[in-house]
Structure formats: C-alpha cells, structure tokens
C-alpha cells in the first residue's frame, strides 16, 4: 500500500469511529429528553434549547431578535 492509501485508510477509520460516537451521543440525547418527558413537554424543551443556542450564537444582536419577535407576536397573534 502506498503512503496515500495508508493515510486514506486512517482517515476512513477515524471518520467511522467519530460517526459511531456521534450516533451514540445522539441516542443519549434522545434518551435524555425521554427521561424528562414526564416533567416537561419534549417539544417545548427542544425548542427552549434551540432558542437558547440561537440567542448565544447571536451575541450582541439578541436585542434585535427580541424586538423582531415582539413585533411579530403583536402582529401575528390570533384572536
């Protein structure tokens, strides 16, 4: 085997290992939400996590997000 083939095999092996670990972590995450479904609605909990992640990602722009959401809520509310 050439050095390039060896490196490619190493890459593939590492990628497969990482993908396996990601799958295990995703299963653990699913189980975590399941464990708390009697205390919290899983849909609400997932959305809360997603919302917090988005707010963290936005950083200083989170104030603008809050303003837009406030306007959308006041203009889109169903009566």
N, C-alpha and C. Protein backbone atom coordinates (compact mmCIF):
# COMPACT_ATOMS: atom_id res chain seq x y z
N UNK A 1 0.84 -1.18 0.00
CA UNK A 1 0.00 0.00 0.00
C UNK A 1 0.88 1.24 0.00
N UNK A 2 0.45 2.24 -0.75
CA UNK A 2 1.21 3.48 -0.78
C UNK A 2 0.91 4.31 0.47
N UNK A 3 1.72 5.31 0.68
CA UNK A 3 1.50 6.18 1.84
C UNK A 3 0.15 6.87 1.74
N UNK A 4 -0.23 7.28 0.54
CA UNK A 4 -1.51 7.94 0.35
C UNK A 4 -2.67 7.00 0.68
N UNK A 5 -2.56 5.74 0.28
CA UNK A 5 -3.60 4.76 0.59
C UNK A 5 -3.67 4.50 2.10
N UNK A 6 -2.51 4.46 2.74
CA UNK A 6 -2.47 4.29 4.20
C UNK A 6 -3.16 5.46 4.90
N UNK A 7 -2.87 6.67 4.43
CA UNK A 7 -3.47 7.86 5.04
C UNK A 7 -4.98 7.89 4.82
N UNK A 8 -5.41 7.46 3.62
CA UNK A 8 -6.84 7.42 3.34
C UNK A 8 -7.53 6.40 4.23
N UNK A 9 -6.92 5.24 4.42
CA UNK A 9 -7.48 4.22 5.30
C UNK A 9 -7.56 4.76 6.73
N UNK A 10 -6.52 5.46 7.17
CA UNK A 10 -6.51 6.06 8.51
C UNK A 10 -7.65 7.07 8.63
N UNK A 11 -7.83 7.89 7.59
CA UNK A 11 -8.91 8.87 7.59
C UNK A 11 -10.26 8.18 7.71
N UNK A 12 -10.48 7.15 6.90
CA UNK A 12 -11.76 6.43 6.89
C UNK A 12 -12.02 5.79 8.25
N UNK A 13 -11.01 5.17 8.83
CA UNK A 13 -11.17 4.54 10.15
C UNK A 13 -11.55 5.56 11.21
N UNK A 14 -10.87 6.72 11.19
CA UNK A 14 -11.18 7.76 12.17
C UNK A 14 -12.57 8.32 11.96
N UNK A 15 -12.93 8.53 10.70
CA UNK A 15 -14.25 9.05 10.38
C UNK A 15 -15.34 8.09 10.86
N UNK A 16 -15.16 6.80 10.61
CA UNK A 16 -16.14 5.81 11.05
C UNK A 16 -16.26 5.79 12.58
N UNK A 17 -15.13 5.92 13.27
CA UNK A 17 -15.15 5.95 14.73
C UNK A 17 -15.91 7.18 15.23
N UNK A 18 -15.62 8.34 14.63
CA UNK A 18 -16.28 9.58 15.04
C UNK A 18 -17.78 9.50 14.76
N UNK A 19 -18.15 9.00 13.59
CA UNK A 19 -19.57 8.87 13.26
C UNK A 19 -20.29 7.93 14.22
N UNK A 20 -19.61 6.87 14.64
CA UNK A 20 -20.18 5.97 15.63
C UNK A 20 -20.39 6.65 16.96
N UNK A 21 -19.41 7.47 17.36
CA UNK A 21 -19.53 8.21 18.62
C UNK A 21 -20.65 9.23 18.55
N UNK A 22 -20.78 9.91 17.40
CA UNK A 22 -21.86 10.88 17.23
C UNK A 22 -23.21 10.18 17.34
N UNK A 23 -23.32 9.02 16.73
CA UNK A 23 -24.58 8.27 16.80
C UNK A 23 -24.90 7.90 18.25
N UNK A 24 -23.90 7.46 18.99
CA UNK A 24 -24.12 7.13 20.41
C UNK A 24 -24.55 8.36 21.20
N UNK A 25 -23.90 9.48 20.94
CA UNK A 25 -24.27 10.72 21.65
C UNK A 25 -25.69 11.15 21.29
N UNK A 26 -26.07 11.02 20.03
CA UNK A 26 -27.43 11.37 19.62
C UNK A 26 -28.45 10.47 20.31
N UNK A 27 -28.12 9.19 20.47
CA UNK A 27 -29.01 8.27 21.17
C UNK A 27 -29.12 8.66 22.65
N UNK A 28 -27.99 9.06 23.25
CA UNK A 28 -28.01 9.51 24.64
C UNK A 28 -28.86 10.77 24.79
N UNK A 29 -28.74 11.67 23.82
CA UNK A 29 -29.52 12.91 23.84
C UNK A 29 -31.02 12.60 23.75
N UNK A 30 -31.37 11.67 22.87
CA UNK A 30 -32.77 11.25 22.72
C UNK A 30 -33.27 10.65 24.04
N UNK A 31 -32.45 9.81 24.66
CA UNK A 31 -32.82 9.20 25.94
C UNK A 31 -32.98 10.26 27.03
N UNK A 32 -32.14 11.27 27.00
CA UNK A 32 -32.22 12.35 27.99
C UNK A 32 -33.56 13.06 27.90
N UNK A 33 -33.97 13.42 26.69
CA UNK A 33 -35.28 14.07 26.52
C UNK A 33 -36.40 13.12 26.96
N UNK A 34 -36.25 11.85 26.66
CA UNK A 34 -37.25 10.86 27.04
C UNK A 34 -37.35 10.74 28.57
N UNK A 35 -36.20 10.79 29.24
CA UNK A 35 -36.18 10.68 30.70
C UNK A 35 -36.93 11.81 31.39
N UNK A 36 -37.01 12.97 30.74
CA UNK A 36 -37.64 14.13 31.36
C UNK A 36 -39.01 14.45 30.76
N UNK A 37 -39.54 13.54 29.93
CA UNK A 37 -40.82 13.82 29.27
C UNK A 37 -41.99 13.89 30.24
N UNK A 38 -41.87 13.29 31.42
CA UNK A 38 -42.95 13.39 32.40
C UNK A 38 -42.95 14.74 33.12
N UNK A 39 -41.81 15.42 33.08
CA UNK A 39 -41.69 16.72 33.73
C UNK A 39 -41.89 17.88 32.76
N UNK A 40 -41.48 17.68 31.51
CA UNK A 40 -41.53 18.74 30.51
C UNK A 40 -42.01 18.16 29.19
N UNK A 41 -42.75 18.95 28.44
CA UNK A 41 -43.14 18.56 27.09
C UNK A 41 -41.86 18.54 26.24
N UNK A 42 -41.50 17.39 25.68
CA UNK A 42 -40.25 17.30 24.91
C UNK A 42 -40.15 18.32 23.78
N UNK A 43 -41.26 18.63 23.12
CA UNK A 43 -41.23 19.64 22.05
C UNK A 43 -40.85 21.00 22.59
N UNK A 44 -41.41 21.34 23.74
CA UNK A 44 -41.12 22.63 24.36
C UNK A 44 -39.67 22.67 24.83
N UNK A 45 -39.22 21.59 25.43
CA UNK A 45 -37.84 21.53 25.92
C UNK A 45 -36.84 21.64 24.76
N UNK A 46 -37.10 20.93 23.66
CA UNK A 46 -36.22 21.02 22.49
C UNK A 46 -36.19 22.44 21.94
N UNK A 47 -37.36 23.07 21.86
CA UNK A 47 -37.44 24.43 21.33
C UNK A 47 -36.73 25.42 22.26
N UNK A 48 -36.83 25.20 23.56
CA UNK A 48 -36.14 26.06 24.51
C UNK A 48 -34.62 25.94 24.33
N UNK A 49 -34.13 24.73 24.16
CA UNK A 49 -32.70 24.52 23.93
C UNK A 49 -32.28 25.19 22.63
N UNK A 50 -33.07 25.00 21.58
CA UNK A 50 -32.78 25.61 20.28
C UNK A 50 -32.75 27.14 20.39
N UNK A 51 -33.71 27.67 21.13
CA UNK A 51 -33.80 29.12 21.31
C UNK A 51 -32.58 29.68 22.05
N UNK A 52 -32.17 29.00 23.10
CA UNK A 52 -31.01 29.45 23.87
C UNK A 52 -29.76 29.40 22.99
N UNK A 53 -29.60 28.34 22.22
CA UNK A 53 -28.44 28.22 21.33
C UNK A 53 -28.43 29.36 20.31
N UNK A 54 -29.60 29.69 19.77
CA UNK A 54 -29.69 30.77 18.79
C UNK A 54 -29.33 32.10 19.44
N UNK A 55 -29.81 32.32 20.66
CA UNK A 55 -29.52 33.58 21.36
C UNK A 55 -28.03 33.70 21.66
N UNK A 56 -27.40 32.60 22.03
CA UNK A 56 -25.97 32.61 22.30
C UNK A 56 -25.21 32.91 21.01
N UNK A 57 -25.64 32.29 19.94
CA UNK A 57 -24.98 32.47 18.65
C UNK A 57 -25.08 33.92 18.17
N UNK A 58 -26.20 34.57 18.45
CA UNK A 58 -26.41 35.95 18.01
C UNK A 58 -25.59 36.96 18.80
N UNK A 59 -25.26 36.62 20.02
CA UNK A 59 -24.45 37.53 20.83
C UNK A 59 -25.14 38.87 21.05
N UNK A 60 -24.47 39.94 20.65
CA UNK A 60 -25.00 41.29 20.87
C UNK A 60 -26.25 41.59 20.05
N UNK A 61 -26.51 40.82 19.01
CA UNK A 61 -27.68 41.04 18.16
C UNK A 61 -28.96 40.49 18.77
N UNK A 62 -28.86 39.90 19.95
CA UNK A 62 -30.03 39.30 20.57
C UNK A 62 -31.11 40.34 20.88
N UNK A 63 -30.71 41.57 21.14
CA UNK A 63 -31.70 42.63 21.38
C UNK A 63 -32.55 42.86 20.13
N UNK A 64 -31.92 42.84 18.97
CA UNK A 64 -32.65 43.00 17.72
C UNK A 64 -33.61 41.82 17.53
N UNK A 65 -33.17 40.64 17.85
CA UNK A 65 -34.03 39.46 17.77
C UNK A 65 -35.26 39.64 18.66
N UNK A 66 -35.06 40.08 19.88
CA UNK A 66 -36.17 40.29 20.81
C UNK A 66 -37.16 41.31 20.26
N UNK A 67 -36.66 42.38 19.66
CA UNK A 67 -37.54 43.40 19.09
C UNK A 67 -38.35 42.84 17.93
N UNK A 68 -37.70 42.08 17.07
CA UNK A 68 -38.41 41.49 15.93
C UNK A 68 -39.46 40.50 16.40
N UNK A 69 -39.11 39.67 17.36
CA UNK A 69 -40.07 38.70 17.90
C UNK A 69 -41.26 39.41 18.52
N UNK A 70 -41.00 40.46 19.28
CA UNK A 70 -42.09 41.22 19.91
C UNK A 70 -43.03 41.79 18.86
N UNK A 71 -42.47 42.34 17.80
CA UNK A 71 -43.33 42.88 16.73
C UNK A 71 -44.10 41.79 16.02
N UNK A 72 -43.42 40.68 15.75
CA UNK A 72 -44.11 39.58 15.10
C UNK A 72 -45.25 39.03 15.96
N UNK A 73 -44.98 38.88 17.24
CA UNK A 73 -46.02 38.35 18.14
C UNK A 73 -47.23 39.29 18.19
N UNK A 74 -46.99 40.58 18.24
CA UNK A 74 -48.11 41.52 18.33
C UNK A 74 -48.88 41.60 17.02
N UNK A 75 -48.24 41.39 15.89
CA UNK A 75 -48.90 41.48 14.60
C UNK A 75 -49.43 40.16 14.08
N UNK A 76 -48.98 39.08 14.63
CA UNK A 76 -49.40 37.76 14.13
C UNK A 76 -50.30 37.02 15.09
N UNK A 77 -50.60 37.62 16.22
CA UNK A 77 -51.41 36.90 17.21
C UNK A 77 -52.82 36.67 16.67
N UNK A 78 -53.30 35.49 16.96
CA UNK A 78 -54.63 35.10 16.51
C UNK A 78 -55.63 35.45 17.61
N UNK A 79 -56.70 36.10 17.21
CA UNK A 79 -57.71 36.50 18.20
C UNK A 79 -58.95 35.68 18.09
